[in-house]
Amino acid sequence: MASFATAVKFDDDSFTVVLRDGRELRVPLSWFPVLAAATPAQRAKVRISKSGAGLHWDDIDEDISVAGLLEGRGDLTTRQANSIT
């Protein structure tokens, strides 16, 4: 069964994705360096995709999939860049 986001909440060191089925998924900001470096105002400008499957921040050009969060995946950009060298 697919899970879809309905809301996103932030505190100083994590964010919580509220899922349509009532679950809440708390994620450390450290998993996403771009999001961690953003200001609280930038983080608050999250846009949930129409399907609820993705989160996007225009101001900081960050995209996060709900499926990836449920699988325990953080930002893959750094790992992919390091594996190329």
PDB file of N, CA and C in Angstrom:
ATOM      1  N   MET A   1       0.837  -1.172   0.000  1.00  0.00           N
ATOM      2  CA  MET A   1       0.000   0.000   0.000  1.00  0.00           C
ATOM      3  C   MET A   1       0.890   1.247   0.000  1.00  0.00           C
ATOM      4  N   ALA A   2       0.616   2.162  -0.881  1.00  0.00           N
ATOM      5  CA  ALA A   2       1.393   3.389  -0.969  1.00  0.00           C
ATOM      6  C   ALA A   2       0.994   4.351   0.142  1.00  0.00           C
ATOM      7  N   SER A   3       1.972   5.096   0.624  1.00  0.00           N
ATOM      8  CA  SER A   3       1.723   6.111   1.653  1.00  0.00           C
ATOM      9  C   SER A   3       1.961   7.476   1.059  1.00  0.00           C
ATOM     10  N   PHE A   4       1.117   8.413   1.405  1.00  0.00           N
ATOM     11  CA  PHE A   4       1.189   9.743   0.823  1.00  0.00           C
ATOM     12  C   PHE A   4       1.204  10.798   1.915  1.00  0.00           C
ATOM     13  N   ALA A   5       1.991  11.852   1.695  1.00  0.00           N
ATOM     14  CA  ALA A   5       2.122  12.940   2.651  1.00  0.00           C
ATOM     15  C   ALA A   5       0.919  13.872   2.580  1.00  0.00           C
ATOM     16  N   THR A   6       0.520  14.363   3.748  1.00  0.00           N
ATOM     17  CA  THR A   6      -0.541  15.366   3.813  1.00  0.00           C
ATOM     18  C   THR A   6      -0.046  16.649   4.475  1.00  0.00           C
ATOM     19  N   ALA A   7       1.055  16.562   5.234  1.00  0.00           N
ATOM     20  CA  ALA A   7       1.605  17.733   5.910  1.00  0.00           C
ATOM     21  C   ALA A   7       3.067  17.470   6.267  1.00  0.00           C
ATOM     22  N   VAL A   8       3.802  18.561   6.482  1.00  0.00           N
ATOM     23  CA  VAL A   8       5.195  18.479   6.916  1.00  0.00           C
ATOM     24  C   VAL A   8       5.378  19.495   8.041  1.00  0.00           C
ATOM     25  N   LYS A   9       5.994  19.051   9.145  1.00  0.00           N
ATOM     26  CA  LYS A   9       6.252  19.921  10.298  1.00  0.00           C
ATOM     27  C   LYS A   9       7.750  19.878  10.601  1.00  0.00           C
ATOM     28  N   PHE A  10       8.284  20.979  11.125  1.00  0.00           N
ATOM     29  CA  PHE A  10       9.707  21.066  11.438  1.00  0.00           C
ATOM     30  C   PHE A  10       9.936  21.433  12.889  1.00  0.00           C
ATOM     31  N   ASP A  11      11.053  20.937  13.442  1.00  0.00           N
ATOM     32  CA  ASP A  11      11.593  21.468  14.683  1.00  0.00           C
ATOM     33  C   ASP A  11      13.058  21.784  14.390  1.00  0.00           C
ATOM     34  N   ASP A  12      13.859  22.020  15.405  1.00  0.00           N
ATOM     35  CA  ASP A  12      15.233  22.477  15.182  1.00  0.00           C
ATOM     36  C   ASP A  12      16.136  21.462  14.481  1.00  0.00           C
ATOM     37  N   ASP A  13      15.903  20.162  14.698  1.00  0.00           N
ATOM     38  CA  ASP A  13      16.821  19.174  14.134  1.00  0.00           C
ATOM     39  C   ASP A  13      16.150  18.037  13.372  1.00  0.00           C
ATOM     40  N   SER A  14      14.856  18.154  13.112  1.00  0.00           N
ATOM     41  CA  SER A  14      14.176  17.101  12.355  1.00  0.00           C
ATOM     42  C   SER A  14      12.934  17.663  11.671  1.00  0.00           C
ATOM     43  N   PHE A  15      12.373  16.827  10.795  1.00  0.00           N
ATOM     44  CA  PHE A  15      11.068  17.168  10.231  1.00  0.00           C
ATOM     45  C   PHE A  15      10.178  15.943  10.305  1.00  0.00           C
ATOM     46  N   THR A  16       8.891  16.190  10.372  1.00  0.00           N
ATOM     47  CA  THR A  16       7.907  15.123  10.486  1.00  0.00           C
ATOM     48  C   THR A  16       6.976  15.192   9.292  1.00  0.00           C
ATOM     49  N   VAL A  17       6.844  14.066   8.615  1.00  0.00           N
ATOM     50  CA  VAL A  17       5.925  13.956   7.493  1.00  0.00           C
ATOM     51  C   VAL A  17       4.682  13.235   7.991  1.00  0.00           C
ATOM     52  N   VAL A  18       3.555  13.899   7.883  1.00  0.00           N
ATOM     53  CA  VAL A  18       2.280  13.304   8.285  1.00  0.00           C
ATOM     54  C   VAL A  18       1.729  12.578   7.064  1.00  0.00           C
ATOM     55  N   LEU A  19       1.425  11.298   7.230  1.00  0.00           N
ATOM     56  CA  LEU A  19       0.943  10.478   6.125  1.00  0.00           C
ATOM     57  C   LEU A  19      -0.576  10.383   6.145  1.00  0.00           C
ATOM     58  N   ARG A  20      -1.138  10.160   4.979  1.00  0.00           N
ATOM     59  CA  ARG A  20      -2.592  10.087   4.814  1.00  0.00           C
ATOM     60  C   ARG A  20      -3.227   9.039   5.721  1.00  0.00           C
ATOM     61  N   ASP A  21      -2.482   7.966   6.013  1.00  0.00           N
ATOM     62  CA  ASP A  21      -3.054   6.898   6.850  1.00  0.00           C
ATOM     63  C   ASP A  21      -2.918   7.185   8.353  1.00  0.00           C
ATOM     64  N   GLY A  22      -2.427   8.392   8.698  1.00  0.00           N
ATOM     65  CA  GLY A  22      -2.340   8.784  10.100  1.00  0.00           C
ATOM     66  C   GLY A  22      -0.970   8.619  10.726  1.00  0.00           C
ATOM     67  N   ARG A  23      -0.086   7.871  10.083  1.00  0.00           N
ATOM     68  CA  ARG A  23       1.260   7.718  10.632  1.00  0.00           C
ATOM     69  C   ARG A  23       2.037   9.020  10.493  1.00  0.00           C
ATOM     70  N   GLU A  24       3.022   9.190  11.361  1.00  0.00           N
ATOM     71  CA  GLU A  24       3.923  10.328  11.281  1.00  0.00           C
ATOM     72  C   GLU A  24       5.342   9.806  11.233  1.00  0.00           C
ATOM     73  N   LEU A  25       6.091  10.278  10.262  1.00  0.00           N
ATOM     74  CA  LEU A  25       7.458   9.822  10.038  1.00  0.00           C
ATOM     75  C   LEU A  25       8.410  10.953  10.389  1.00  0.00           C
ATOM     76  N   ARG A  26       9.197  10.772  11.454  1.00  0.00           N
ATOM     77  CA  ARG A  26      10.154  11.793  11.886  1.00  0.00           C
ATOM     78  C   ARG A  26      11.513  11.487  11.276  1.00  0.00           C
ATOM     79  N   VAL A  27      12.104  12.507  10.644  1.00  0.00           N
ATOM     80  CA  VAL A  27      13.347  12.341   9.886  1.00  0.00           C
ATOM     81  C   VAL A  27      14.371  13.376  10.356  1.00  0.00           C
ATOM     82  N   PRO A  28      15.600  12.957  10.666  1.00  0.00           N
ATOM     83  CA  PRO A  28      16.623  13.922  11.055  1.00  0.00           C
ATOM     84  C   PRO A  28      16.995  14.837   9.876  1.00  0.00           C
ATOM     85  N   LEU A  29      17.112  16.127  10.138  1.00  0.00           N
ATOM     86  CA  LEU A  29      17.545  17.051   9.080  1.00  0.00           C
ATOM     87  C   LEU A  29      18.936  16.687   8.578  1.00  0.00           C
ATOM     88  N   SER A  30      19.754  16.076   9.409  1.00  0.00           N
ATOM     89  CA  SER A  30      21.111  15.706   9.005  1.00  0.00           C
ATOM     90  C   SER A  30      21.135  14.738   7.822  1.00  0.00           C
ATOM     91  N   TRP A  31      20.025  14.047   7.575  1.00  0.00           N
ATOM     92  CA  TRP A  31      19.944  13.160   6.407  1.00  0.00           C
ATOM     93  C   TRP A  31      19.919  13.944   5.105  1.00  0.00           C
ATOM     94  N   PHE A  32      19.562  15.215   5.178  1.00  0.00           N
ATOM     95  CA  PHE A  32      19.421  16.055   3.990  1.00  0.00           C
ATOM     96  C   PHE A  32      20.173  17.366   4.204  1.00  0.00           C
ATOM     97  N   PRO A  33      21.471  17.413   3.873  1.00  0.00           N
ATOM     98  CA  PRO A  33      22.302  18.590   4.148  1.00  0.00           C
ATOM     99  C   PRO A  33      21.751  19.897   3.578  1.00  0.00           C
ATOM    100  N   VAL A  34      21.166  19.870   2.394  1.00  0.00           N
ATOM    101  CA  VAL A  34      20.618  21.101   1.809  1.00  0.00           C
ATOM    102  C   VAL A  34      19.466  21.611   2.664  1.00  0.00           C
ATOM    103  N   LEU A  35      18.621  20.728   3.097  1.00  0.00           N
ATOM    104  CA  LEU A  35      17.495  21.108   3.948  1.00  0.00           C
ATOM    105  C   LEU A  35      17.991  21.571   5.318  1.00  0.00           C
ATOM    106  N   ALA A  36      19.002  20.906   5.850  1.00  0.00           N
ATOM    107  CA  ALA A  36      19.562  21.287   7.151  1.00  0.00           C
ATOM    108  C   ALA A  36      20.170  22.686   7.103  1.00  0.00           C
ATOM    109  N   ALA A  37      20.773  23.051   5.971  1.00  0.00           N
ATOM    110  CA  ALA A  37      21.419  24.357   5.824  1.00  0.00           C
ATOM    111  C   ALA A  37      20.418  25.474   5.520  1.00  0.00           C
ATOM    112  N   ALA A  38      19.214  25.122   5.153  1.00  0.00           N
ATOM    113  CA  ALA A  38      18.197  26.120   4.811  1.00  0.00           C
ATOM    114  C   ALA A  38      17.711  26.841   6.060  1.00  0.00           C
ATOM    115  N   THR A  39      17.189  28.022   5.854  1.00  0.00           N
ATOM    116  CA  THR A  39      16.602  28.775   6.963  1.00  0.00           C
ATOM    117  C   THR A  39      15.232  28.181   7.310  1.00  0.00           C
ATOM    118  N   PRO A  40      14.744  28.429   8.518  1.00  0.00           N
ATOM    119  CA  PRO A  40      13.399  27.958   8.850  1.00  0.00           C
ATOM    120  C   PRO A  40      12.341  28.468   7.867  1.00  0.00           C
ATOM    121  N   ALA A  41      12.495  29.700   7.400  1.00  0.00           N
ATOM    122  CA  ALA A  41      11.531  30.251   6.429  1.00  0.00           C
ATOM    123  C   ALA A  41      11.577  29.477   5.113  1.00  0.00           C
ATOM    124  N   GLN A  42      12.775  29.097   4.672  1.00  0.00           N
ATOM    125  CA  GLN A  42      12.895  28.312   3.441  1.00  0.00           C
ATOM    126  C   GLN A  42      12.301  26.922   3.622  1.00  0.00           C
ATOM    127  N   ARG A  43      12.558  26.300   4.750  1.00  0.00           N
ATOM    128  CA  ARG A  43      11.999  24.963   5.023  1.00  0.00           C
ATOM    129  C   ARG A  43      10.478  24.995   5.041  1.00  0.00           C
ATOM    130  N   ALA A  44       9.920  26.064   5.564  1.00  0.00           N
ATOM    131  CA  ALA A  44       8.459  26.177   5.682  1.00  0.00           C
ATOM    132  C   ALA A  44       7.770  26.266   4.329  1.00  0.00           C
ATOM    133  N   LYS A  45       8.501  26.578   3.284  1.00  0.00           N
ATOM    134  CA  LYS A  45       7.915  26.711   1.949  1.00  0.00           C
ATOM    135  C   LYS A  45       7.870  25.378   1.199  1.00  0.00           C
ATOM    136  N   VAL A  46       7.689  24.300   1.910  1.00  0.00           N
ATOM    137  CA  VAL A  46       7.589  22.980   1.296  1.00  0.00           C
ATOM    138  C   VAL A  46       6.291  22.877   0.500  1.00  0.00           C
ATOM    139  N   ARG A  47       6.396  22.207  -0.631  1.00  0.00           N
ATOM    140  CA  ARG A  47       5.216  21.940  -1.453  1.00  0.00           C
ATOM    141  C   ARG A  47       5.072  20.425  -1.571  1.00  0.00           C
ATOM    142  N   ILE A  48       3.912  19.915  -1.203  1.00  0.00           N
ATOM    143  CA  ILE A  48       3.619  18.488  -1.333  1.00  0.00           C
ATOM    144  C   ILE A  48       3.024  18.272  -2.716  1.00  0.00           C
ATOM    145  N   SER A  49       3.545  17.290  -3.445  1.00  0.00           N
ATOM    146  CA  SER A  49       3.030  17.020  -4.789  1.00  0.00           C
ATOM    147  C   SER A  49       1.549  16.665  -4.735  1.00  0.00           C
ATOM    148  N   LYS A  50       0.864  16.838  -5.853  1.00  0.00           N
ATOM    149  CA  LYS A  50      -0.578  16.532  -5.900  1.00  0.00           C
ATOM    150  C   LYS A  50      -0.870  15.096  -5.493  1.00  0.00           C
ATOM    151  N   SER A  51       0.030  14.188  -5.859  1.00  0.00           N
ATOM    152  CA  SER A  51      -0.167  12.781  -5.505  1.00  0.00           C
ATOM    153  C   SER A  51       0.153  12.506  -4.040  1.00  0.00           C
ATOM    154  N   GLY A  52       0.924  13.417  -3.417  1.00  0.00           N
ATOM    155  CA  GLY A  52       1.360  13.207  -2.040  1.00  0.00           C
ATOM    156  C   GLY A  52       2.603  12.351  -1.935  1.00  0.00           C
ATOM    157  N   ALA A  53       3.169  11.969  -3.075  1.00  0.00           N
ATOM    158  CA  ALA A  53       4.327  11.074  -3.088  1.00  0.00           C
ATOM    159  C   ALA A  53       5.663  11.795  -2.956  1.00  0.00           C
ATOM    160  N   GLY A  54       5.664  13.123  -3.096  1.00  0.00           N
ATOM    161  CA  GLY A  54       6.926  13.846  -3.050  1.00  0.00           C
ATOM    162  C   GLY A  54       6.816  15.183  -2.343  1.00  0.00           C
ATOM    163  N   LEU A  55       7.958  15.651  -1.848  1.00  0.00           N
ATOM    164  CA  LEU A  55       8.076  16.950  -1.201  1.00  0.00           C
ATOM    165  C   LEU A  55       9.058  17.773  -2.017  1.00  0.00           C
ATOM    166  N   HIS A  56       8.768  19.059  -2.205  1.00  0.00           N
ATOM    167  CA  HIS A  56       9.650  19.915  -3.004  1.00  0.00           C
ATOM    168  C   HIS A  56       9.759  21.296  -2.372  1.00  0.00           C
ATOM    169  N   TRP A  57      10.977  21.832  -2.427  1.00  0.00           N
ATOM    170  CA  TRP A  57      11.268  23.187  -1.976  1.00  0.00           C
ATOM    171  C   TRP A  57      11.859  23.949  -3.151  1.00  0.00           C
ATOM    172  N   ASP A  58      11.092  24.884  -3.724  1.00  0.00           N
ATOM    173  CA  ASP A  58      11.559  25.667  -4.860  1.00  0.00           C
ATOM    174  C   ASP A  58      12.789  26.499  -4.517  1.00  0.00           C
ATOM    175  N   ASP A  59      12.753  27.189  -3.384  1.00  0.00           N
ATOM    176  CA  ASP A  59      13.828  28.116  -3.013  1.00  0.00           C
ATOM    177  C   ASP A  59      15.192  27.456  -2.893  1.00  0.00           C
ATOM    178  N   ILE A  60      15.226  26.208  -2.476  1.00  0.00           N
ATOM    179  CA  ILE A  60      16.511  25.533  -2.271  1.00  0.00           C
ATOM    180  C   ILE A  60      16.713  24.361  -3.228  1.00  0.00           C
ATOM    181  N   ASP A  61      15.786  24.193  -4.172  1.00  0.00           N
ATOM    182  CA  ASP A  61      15.858  23.143  -5.190  1.00  0.00           C
ATOM    183  C   ASP A  61      16.093  21.757  -4.575  1.00  0.00           C
ATOM    184  N   GLU A  62      15.232  21.408  -3.637  1.00  0.00           N
ATOM    185  CA  GLU A  62      15.328  20.112  -2.960  1.00  0.00           C
ATOM    186  C   GLU A  62      14.063  19.310  -3.222  1.00  0.00           C
ATOM    187  N   ASP A  63      14.243  18.024  -3.519  1.00  0.00           N
ATOM    188  CA  ASP A  63      13.140  17.094  -3.738  1.00  0.00           C
ATOM    189  C   ASP A  63      13.364  15.858  -2.878  1.00  0.00           C
ATOM    190  N   ILE A  64      12.320  15.413  -2.202  1.00  0.00           N
ATOM    191  CA  ILE A  64      12.399  14.224  -1.358  1.00  0.00           C
ATOM    192  C   ILE A  64      11.176  13.367  -1.638  1.00  0.00           C
ATOM    193  N   SER A  65      11.394  12.073  -1.848  1.00  0.00           N
ATOM    194  CA  SER A  65      10.264  11.172  -2.076  1.00  0.00           C
ATOM    195  C   SER A  65       9.826  10.542  -0.760  1.00  0.00           C
ATOM    196  N   VAL A  66       8.530  10.413  -0.588  1.00  0.00           N
ATOM    197  CA  VAL A  66       7.984   9.775   0.611  1.00  0.00           C
ATOM    198  C   VAL A  66       8.406   8.310   0.642  1.00  0.00           C
ATOM    199  N   ALA A  67       8.410   7.651  -0.498  1.00  0.00           N
ATOM    200  CA  ALA A  67       8.827   6.244  -0.556  1.00  0.00           C
ATOM    201  C   ALA A  67      10.263   6.088  -0.066  1.00  0.00           C
ATOM    202  N   GLY A  68      11.140   7.008  -0.462  1.00  0.00           N
ATOM    203  CA  GLY A  68      12.534   6.957  -0.013  1.00  0.00           C
ATOM    204  C   GLY A  68      12.649   7.128   1.492  1.00  0.00           C
ATOM    205  N   LEU A  69      11.858   8.033   2.046  1.00  0.00           N
ATOM    206  CA  LEU A  69      11.874   8.225   3.497  1.00  0.00           C
ATOM    207  C   LEU A  69      11.416   6.962   4.211  1.00  0.00           C
ATOM    208  N   LEU A  70      10.376   6.339   3.702  1.00  0.00           N
ATOM    209  CA  LEU A  70       9.868   5.111   4.318  1.00  0.00           C
ATOM    210  C   LEU A  70      10.879   3.972   4.237  1.00  0.00           C
ATOM    211  N   GLU A  71      11.756   4.020   3.237  1.00  0.00           N
ATOM    212  CA  GLU A  71      12.804   3.007   3.099  1.00  0.00           C
ATOM    213  C   GLU A  71      14.049   3.362   3.896  1.00  0.00           C
ATOM    214  N   GLY A  72      14.020   4.516   4.577  1.00  0.00           N
ATOM    215  CA  GLY A  72      15.154   4.925   5.402  1.00  0.00           C
ATOM    216  C   GLY A  72      16.282   5.570   4.630  1.00  0.00           C
ATOM    217  N   ARG A  73      15.986   6.062   3.429  1.00  0.00           N
ATOM    218  CA  ARG A  73      17.027   6.689   2.603  1.00  0.00           C
ATOM    219  C   ARG A  73      17.089   8.189   2.861  1.00  0.00           C
ATOM    220  N   GLY A  74      18.295   8.676   3.059  1.00  0.00           N
ATOM    221  CA  GLY A  74      18.537  10.106   3.155  1.00  0.00           C
ATOM    222  C   GLY A  74      18.966  10.634   1.795  1.00  0.00           C
ATOM    223  N   ASP A  75      19.663  11.747   1.798  1.00  0.00           N
ATOM    224  CA  ASP A  75      20.146  12.383   0.575  1.00  0.00           C
ATOM    225  C   ASP A  75      21.176  11.475  -0.094  1.00  0.00           C
ATOM    226  N   LEU A  76      20.915  11.075  -1.321  1.00  0.00           N
ATOM    227  CA  LEU A  76      21.824  10.207  -2.059  1.00  0.00           C
ATOM    228  C   LEU A  76      22.834  10.991  -2.886  1.00  0.00           C
ATOM    229  N   THR A  77      22.668  12.297  -3.012  1.00  0.00           N
ATOM    230  CA  THR A  77      23.533  13.112  -3.871  1.00  0.00           C
ATOM    231  C   THR A  77      24.991  12.978  -3.468  1.00  0.00           C
ATOM    232  N   THR A  78      25.303  13.132  -2.194  1.00  0.00           N
ATOM    233  CA  THR A  78      26.692  13.069  -1.731  1.00  0.00           C
ATOM    234  C   THR A  78      27.278  11.694  -1.966  1.00  0.00           C
ATOM    235  N   ARG A  79      26.514  10.661  -1.673  1.00  0.00           N
ATOM    236  CA  ARG A  79      27.019   9.295  -1.862  1.00  0.00           C
ATOM    237  C   ARG A  79      27.244   9.006  -3.341  1.00  0.00           C
ATOM    238  N   GLN A  80      26.335   9.467  -4.214  1.00  0.00           N
ATOM    239  CA  GLN A  80      26.500   9.234  -5.644  1.00  0.00           C
ATOM    240  C   GLN A  80      27.712   9.991  -6.171  1.00  0.00           C
ATOM    241  N   ALA A  81      27.908  11.222  -5.727  1.00  0.00           N
ATOM    242  CA  ALA A  81      29.044  12.016  -6.190  1.00  0.00           C
ATOM    243  C   ALA A  81      30.350  11.355  -5.735  1.00  0.00           C
ATOM    244  N   ASN A  82      30.386  10.836  -4.506  1.00  0.00           N
ATOM    245  CA  ASN A  82      31.597  10.194  -4.004  1.00  0.00           C
ATOM    246  C   ASN A  82      31.870   8.873  -4.699  1.00  0.00           C
ATOM    247  N   SER A  83      30.854   8.174  -5.149  1.00  0.00           N
ATOM    248  CA  SER A  83      31.083   6.873  -5.781  1.00  0.00           C
ATOM    249  C   SER A  83      31.580   7.006  -7.215  1.00  0.00           C
ATOM    250  N   ILE A  84      31.427   8.195  -7.797  1.00  0.00           N
ATOM    251  CA  ILE A  84      31.888   8.416  -9.183  1.00  0.00           C
ATOM    252  C   ILE A  84      33.400   8.503  -9.229  1.00  0.00           C
ATOM    253  N   THR A  85      34.012   9.060  -8.202  1.00  0.00           N
ATOM    254  CA  THR A  85      35.466   9.242  -8.206  1.00  0.00           C
ATOM    255  C   THR A  85      36.221   8.002  -7.870  1.00  0.00           C
TER     256      THR A  85
END
